[in-house]
Amino acid sequence: MKNVAAWLCLTCLVVLPCAPVLASSTPPLPKNYTGWQKSGRKLVTDKSSIFYGIHYIYADKKAVKGYQAGNRFPEGSTIVVEYFNIKGNAAAMEDGPKNMIVLMRKDKRAKDTGGWLFAGYGADGKPSGLDPATTCFGCHQKDAAQRDYVISTIKDFKR
């Protein structure tokens, strides 16, 4: 369960309260990310958890190479995570409506966040208006500093 909780720390990008950020500082969400390498389904059924729901990771070609290299990501690597509510009962949990999207992009100019740009979006793909970097980098720093601040690994893509 610790690994699931650690991987899901990425969700804190838009869930926890944080300071507003100007929309102009949020990069546009890549339009084709659903065509990238997709992880297996992650499910958290603990309703008291802020990570409750279903999650999928999408990695562009650079990020896939970074995962394959033991979480050593080249500049420009981009990772997108979609979050869905749970639909159905315990015997048949399905993906419900999408509730948020988050992005990490390797950017050497983001020195305060380990060389990663973090961004959060609503279900519609528009910037959420939250500052995910100040909200979540501490978790990534604590749980994944030795993995280039990326909590997920290549194992998340093995089905």
C-alpha atoms as a PDB file:
ATOM      1  CA  MET A   1       0.000   0.000   0.000  1.00  0.00           C
ATOM      2  CA  LYS A   2       2.940   2.331   0.671  1.00  0.00           C
ATOM      3  CA  ASN A   3       3.984   2.129  -2.995  1.00  0.00           C
ATOM      4  CA  VAL A   4       0.456   2.955  -4.154  1.00  0.00           C
ATOM      5  CA  ALA A   5       0.270   5.881  -1.757  1.00  0.00           C
ATOM      6  CA  ALA A   6       3.714   7.095  -2.821  1.00  0.00           C
ATOM      7  CA  TRP A   7       2.869   6.849  -6.509  1.00  0.00           C
ATOM      8  CA  LEU A   8      -0.356   8.652  -5.905  1.00  0.00           C
ATOM      9  CA  CYS A   9       1.365  11.585  -4.264  1.00  0.00           C
ATOM     10  CA  LEU A  10       1.341  13.030  -7.752  1.00  0.00           C
ATOM     11  CA  THR A  11      -2.374  13.597  -7.181  1.00  0.00           C
ATOM     12  CA  CYS A  12      -1.619  16.227  -4.590  1.00  0.00           C
ATOM     13  CA  LEU A  13      -0.878  18.551  -7.495  1.00  0.00           C
ATOM     14  CA  VAL A  14      -4.448  19.822  -7.581  1.00  0.00           C
ATOM     15  CA  VAL A  15      -6.246  18.262  -4.620  1.00  0.00           C
ATOM     16  CA  LEU A  16      -4.732  20.106  -1.695  1.00  0.00           C
ATOM     17  CA  PRO A  17      -5.341  23.813  -1.073  1.00  0.00           C
ATOM     18  CA  CYS A  18      -2.718  26.106  -2.488  1.00  0.00           C
ATOM     19  CA  ALA A  19      -2.036  29.610  -3.728  1.00  0.00           C
ATOM     20  CA  PRO A  20      -3.425  30.836  -7.061  1.00  0.00           C
ATOM     21  CA  VAL A  21      -1.115  30.936 -10.051  1.00  0.00           C
ATOM     22  CA  LEU A  22      -1.529  32.962 -13.215  1.00  0.00           C
ATOM     23  CA  ALA A  23      -2.930  30.925 -16.085  1.00  0.00           C
ATOM     24  CA  SER A  24      -0.153  32.241 -18.341  1.00  0.00           C
ATOM     25  CA  SER A  25       2.409  30.328 -16.247  1.00  0.00           C
ATOM     26  CA  THR A  26       0.608  27.027 -16.822  1.00  0.00           C
ATOM     27  CA  PRO A  27       1.682  25.267 -20.016  1.00  0.00           C
ATOM     28  CA  PRO A  28      -1.065  24.063 -22.326  1.00  0.00           C
ATOM     29  CA  LEU A  29      -2.035  20.442 -21.790  1.00  0.00           C
ATOM     30  CA  PRO A  30      -0.611  18.371 -24.687  1.00  0.00           C
ATOM     31  CA  LYS A  31      -3.482  17.597 -27.058  1.00  0.00           C
ATOM     32  CA  ASN A  32      -2.226  14.133 -28.011  1.00  0.00           C
ATOM     33  CA  TYR A  33      -1.212  12.767 -24.602  1.00  0.00           C
ATOM     34  CA  THR A  34      -3.816   9.970 -24.651  1.00  0.00           C
ATOM     35  CA  GLY A  35      -1.858   8.457 -27.551  1.00  0.00           C
ATOM     36  CA  TRP A  36       1.293   8.162 -25.410  1.00  0.00           C
ATOM     37  CA  GLN A  37       2.406   5.084 -23.461  1.00  0.00           C
ATOM     38  CA  LYS A  38      -0.335   4.428 -20.883  1.00  0.00           C
ATOM     39  CA  SER A  39       0.119   2.832 -17.471  1.00  0.00           C
ATOM     40  CA  GLY A  40      -2.007   0.154 -15.963  1.00  0.00           C
ATOM     41  CA  ARG A  41      -5.041   1.193 -13.951  1.00  0.00           C
ATOM     42  CA  LYS A  42      -4.387   2.386 -10.395  1.00  0.00           C
ATOM     43  CA  LEU A  43      -7.271   2.077  -7.949  1.00  0.00           C
ATOM     44  CA  VAL A  44      -7.564   3.567  -4.461  1.00  0.00           C
ATOM     45  CA  THR A  45     -10.777   2.535  -2.704  1.00  0.00           C
ATOM     46  CA  ASP A  46     -10.200   4.208   0.660  1.00  0.00           C
ATOM     47  CA  LYS A  47     -12.870   6.930   0.655  1.00  0.00           C
ATOM     48  CA  SER A  48     -11.058   8.852   3.387  1.00  0.00           C
ATOM     49  CA  SER A  49      -7.971   9.192   1.166  1.00  0.00           C
ATOM     50  CA  ILE A  50      -7.436  12.303  -0.932  1.00  0.00           C
ATOM     51  CA  PHE A  51      -6.218   9.808  -3.546  1.00  0.00           C
ATOM     52  CA  TYR A  52      -9.580   7.990  -3.745  1.00  0.00           C
ATOM     53  CA  GLY A  53     -10.307   7.107  -7.358  1.00  0.00           C
ATOM     54  CA  ILE A  54      -8.868   5.626 -10.533  1.00  0.00           C
ATOM     55  CA  HIS A  55      -5.675   6.934 -12.116  1.00  0.00           C
ATOM     56  CA  TYR A  56      -3.751   6.465 -15.367  1.00  0.00           C
ATOM     57  CA  ILE A  57      -0.276   7.774 -16.256  1.00  0.00           C
ATOM     58  CA  TYR A  58       0.666   8.793 -19.801  1.00  0.00           C
ATOM     59  CA  ALA A  59       4.353   9.135 -20.750  1.00  0.00           C
ATOM     60  CA  ASP A  60       5.682  10.715 -23.937  1.00  0.00           C
ATOM     61  CA  LYS A  61       8.599   9.057 -25.800  1.00  0.00           C
ATOM     62  CA  LYS A  62      11.227  10.964 -23.813  1.00  0.00           C
ATOM     63  CA  ALA A  63       9.596  10.036 -20.509  1.00  0.00           C
ATOM     64  CA  VAL A  64       9.371   6.364 -21.533  1.00  0.00           C
ATOM     65  CA  LYS A  65      13.143   6.429 -22.169  1.00  0.00           C
ATOM     66  CA  GLY A  66      13.581   8.005 -18.733  1.00  0.00           C
ATOM     67  CA  TYR A  67      11.532   5.273 -17.068  1.00  0.00           C
ATOM     68  CA  GLN A  68      13.536   2.627 -18.970  1.00  0.00           C
ATOM     69  CA  ALA A  69      16.759   4.280 -17.761  1.00  0.00           C
ATOM     70  CA  GLY A  70      15.759   3.813 -14.117  1.00  0.00           C
ATOM     71  CA  ASN A  71      13.963   7.158 -13.702  1.00  0.00           C
ATOM     72  CA  ARG A  72      16.675   9.318 -15.252  1.00  0.00           C
ATOM     73  CA  PHE A  73      14.640  11.617 -17.470  1.00  0.00           C
ATOM     74  CA  PRO A  74      15.932  13.719 -20.382  1.00  0.00           C
ATOM     75  CA  GLU A  75      15.009  17.390 -20.747  1.00  0.00           C
ATOM     76  CA  GLY A  76      11.482  17.804 -22.113  1.00  0.00           C
ATOM     77  CA  SER A  77      10.146  14.491 -20.771  1.00  0.00           C
ATOM     78  CA  THR A  78       6.434  14.895 -20.120  1.00  0.00           C
ATOM     79  CA  ILE A  79       4.171  12.842 -17.853  1.00  0.00           C
ATOM     80  CA  VAL A  80       0.406  13.375 -17.626  1.00  0.00           C
ATOM     81  CA  VAL A  81      -1.878  11.711 -15.072  1.00  0.00           C
ATOM     82  CA  GLU A  82      -5.670  11.534 -15.418  1.00  0.00           C
ATOM     83  CA  TYR A  83      -7.887  11.020 -12.370  1.00  0.00           C
ATOM     84  CA  PHE A  84     -11.387   9.575 -12.427  1.00  0.00           C
ATOM     85  CA  ASN A  85     -14.099   9.138  -9.840  1.00  0.00           C
ATOM     86  CA  ILE A  86     -15.144   5.563  -9.090  1.00  0.00           C
ATOM     87  CA  LYS A  87     -18.423   4.407 -10.581  1.00  0.00           C
ATOM     88  CA  GLY A  88     -20.195   1.249  -9.416  1.00  0.00           C
ATOM     89  CA  ASN A  89     -19.918  -0.926  -6.326  1.00  0.00           C
ATOM     90  CA  ALA A  90     -17.006  -2.852  -4.799  1.00  0.00           C
ATOM     91  CA  ALA A  91     -17.629  -5.864  -7.052  1.00  0.00           C
ATOM     92  CA  ALA A  92     -17.600  -3.844 -10.273  1.00  0.00           C
ATOM     93  CA  MET A  93     -15.682  -0.578  -9.943  1.00  0.00           C
ATOM     94  CA  GLU A  94     -15.517   1.306 -13.209  1.00  0.00           C
ATOM     95  CA  ASP A  95     -14.028   4.590 -14.339  1.00  0.00           C
ATOM     96  CA  GLY A  96     -16.480   7.334 -13.506  1.00  0.00           C
ATOM     97  CA  PRO A  97     -16.245  10.931 -14.695  1.00  0.00           C
ATOM     98  CA  LYS A  98     -12.781  12.447 -15.040  1.00  0.00           C
ATOM     99  CA  ASN A  99     -12.121  14.859 -12.174  1.00  0.00           C
ATOM    100  CA  MET A 100      -8.629  16.268 -12.818  1.00  0.00           C
ATOM    101  CA  ILE A 101      -5.434  16.072 -14.846  1.00  0.00           C
ATOM    102  CA  VAL A 102      -1.858  16.821 -13.778  1.00  0.00           C
ATOM    103  CA  LEU A 103       1.372  17.275 -15.709  1.00  0.00           C
ATOM    104  CA  MET A 104       5.085  17.056 -14.967  1.00  0.00           C
ATOM    105  CA  ARG A 105       7.570  18.287 -17.597  1.00  0.00           C
ATOM    106  CA  LYS A 106      11.347  18.072 -17.193  1.00  0.00           C
ATOM    107  CA  ASP A 107      12.563  21.669 -17.442  1.00  0.00           C
ATOM    108  CA  LYS A 108      16.021  22.639 -16.210  1.00  0.00           C
ATOM    109  CA  ARG A 109      14.784  26.205 -15.614  1.00  0.00           C
ATOM    110  CA  ALA A 110      12.532  24.922 -12.777  1.00  0.00           C
ATOM    111  CA  LYS A 111      15.391  24.890 -10.287  1.00  0.00           C
ATOM    112  CA  ASP A 112      13.161  25.263  -7.199  1.00  0.00           C
ATOM    113  CA  THR A 113      11.276  22.059  -8.062  1.00  0.00           C
ATOM    114  CA  GLY A 114      14.115  19.701  -8.961  1.00  0.00           C
ATOM    115  CA  GLY A 115      14.121  20.577 -12.653  1.00  0.00           C
ATOM    116  CA  TRP A 116      10.440  19.735 -13.134  1.00  0.00           C
ATOM    117  CA  LEU A 117       7.524  21.973 -14.079  1.00  0.00           C
ATOM    118  CA  PHE A 118       4.289  20.885 -12.377  1.00  0.00           C
ATOM    119  CA  ALA A 119       0.820  21.915 -13.627  1.00  0.00           C
ATOM    120  CA  GLY A 120      -2.778  21.077 -12.729  1.00  0.00           C
ATOM    121  CA  TYR A 121      -5.922  21.121 -14.888  1.00  0.00           C
ATOM    122  CA  GLY A 122      -9.616  20.554 -14.424  1.00  0.00           C
ATOM    123  CA  ALA A 123     -11.439  17.672 -16.086  1.00  0.00           C
ATOM    124  CA  ASP A 124     -11.959  19.932 -19.108  1.00  0.00           C
ATOM    125  CA  GLY A 125      -8.186  20.346 -19.609  1.00  0.00           C
ATOM    126  CA  LYS A 126      -8.178  24.018 -18.627  1.00  0.00           C
ATOM    127  CA  PRO A 127      -5.658  25.238 -16.026  1.00  0.00           C
ATOM    128  CA  SER A 128      -6.997  24.713 -12.515  1.00  0.00           C
ATOM    129  CA  GLY A 129      -5.669  28.021 -11.203  1.00  0.00           C
ATOM    130  CA  LEU A 130      -3.796  26.270  -8.396  1.00  0.00           C
ATOM    131  CA  ASP A 131      -0.063  26.312  -7.733  1.00  0.00           C
ATOM    132  CA  PRO A 132       0.829  22.617  -7.712  1.00  0.00           C
ATOM    133  CA  ALA A 133       4.586  23.164  -7.406  1.00  0.00           C
ATOM    134  CA  THR A 134       4.384  24.640  -3.918  1.00  0.00           C
ATOM    135  CA  THR A 135       1.778  22.084  -2.914  1.00  0.00           C
ATOM    136  CA  CYS A 136       3.441  18.870  -4.054  1.00  0.00           C
ATOM    137  CA  PHE A 137       7.136  19.213  -4.657  1.00  0.00           C
ATOM    138  CA  GLY A 138       7.846  18.432  -0.997  1.00  0.00           C
ATOM    139  CA  CYS A 139       6.210  15.028  -1.413  1.00  0.00           C
ATOM    140  CA  HIS A 140       8.143  14.298  -4.601  1.00  0.00           C
ATOM    141  CA  GLN A 141      11.339  15.458  -2.925  1.00  0.00           C
ATOM    142  CA  LYS A 142      10.718  13.240   0.110  1.00  0.00           C
ATOM    143  CA  ASP A 143       9.508  10.123  -1.723  1.00  0.00           C
ATOM    144  CA  ALA A 144      11.386  10.199  -5.039  1.00  0.00           C
ATOM    145  CA  ALA A 145      14.477  12.423  -4.917  1.00  0.00           C
ATOM    146  CA  GLN A 146      16.597   9.390  -5.805  1.00  0.00           C
ATOM    147  CA  ARG A 147      14.319   8.734  -8.843  1.00  0.00           C
ATOM    148  CA  ASP A 148      14.548  12.205 -10.419  1.00  0.00           C
ATOM    149  CA  TYR A 149      11.491  13.311  -8.363  1.00  0.00           C
ATOM    150  CA  VAL A 150       9.161  10.980 -10.299  1.00  0.00           C
ATOM    151  CA  ILE A 151       7.233   8.677  -7.996  1.00  0.00           C
ATOM    152  CA  SER A 152       6.014   6.287 -10.682  1.00  0.00           C
ATOM    153  CA  THR A 153       8.395   3.782 -12.299  1.00  0.00           C
ATOM    154  CA  ILE A 154       8.508   1.577 -15.387  1.00  0.00           C
ATOM    155  CA  LYS A 155       6.679  -1.090 -13.351  1.00  0.00           C
ATOM    156  CA  ASP A 156       3.545   1.072 -13.537  1.00  0.00           C
ATOM    157  CA  PHE A 157       3.510   0.486 -17.299  1.00  0.00           C
ATOM    158  CA  LYS A 158       3.798  -3.316 -17.143  1.00  0.00           C
ATOM    159  CA  ARG A 159       0.419  -4.925 -17.529  1.00  0.00           C
END
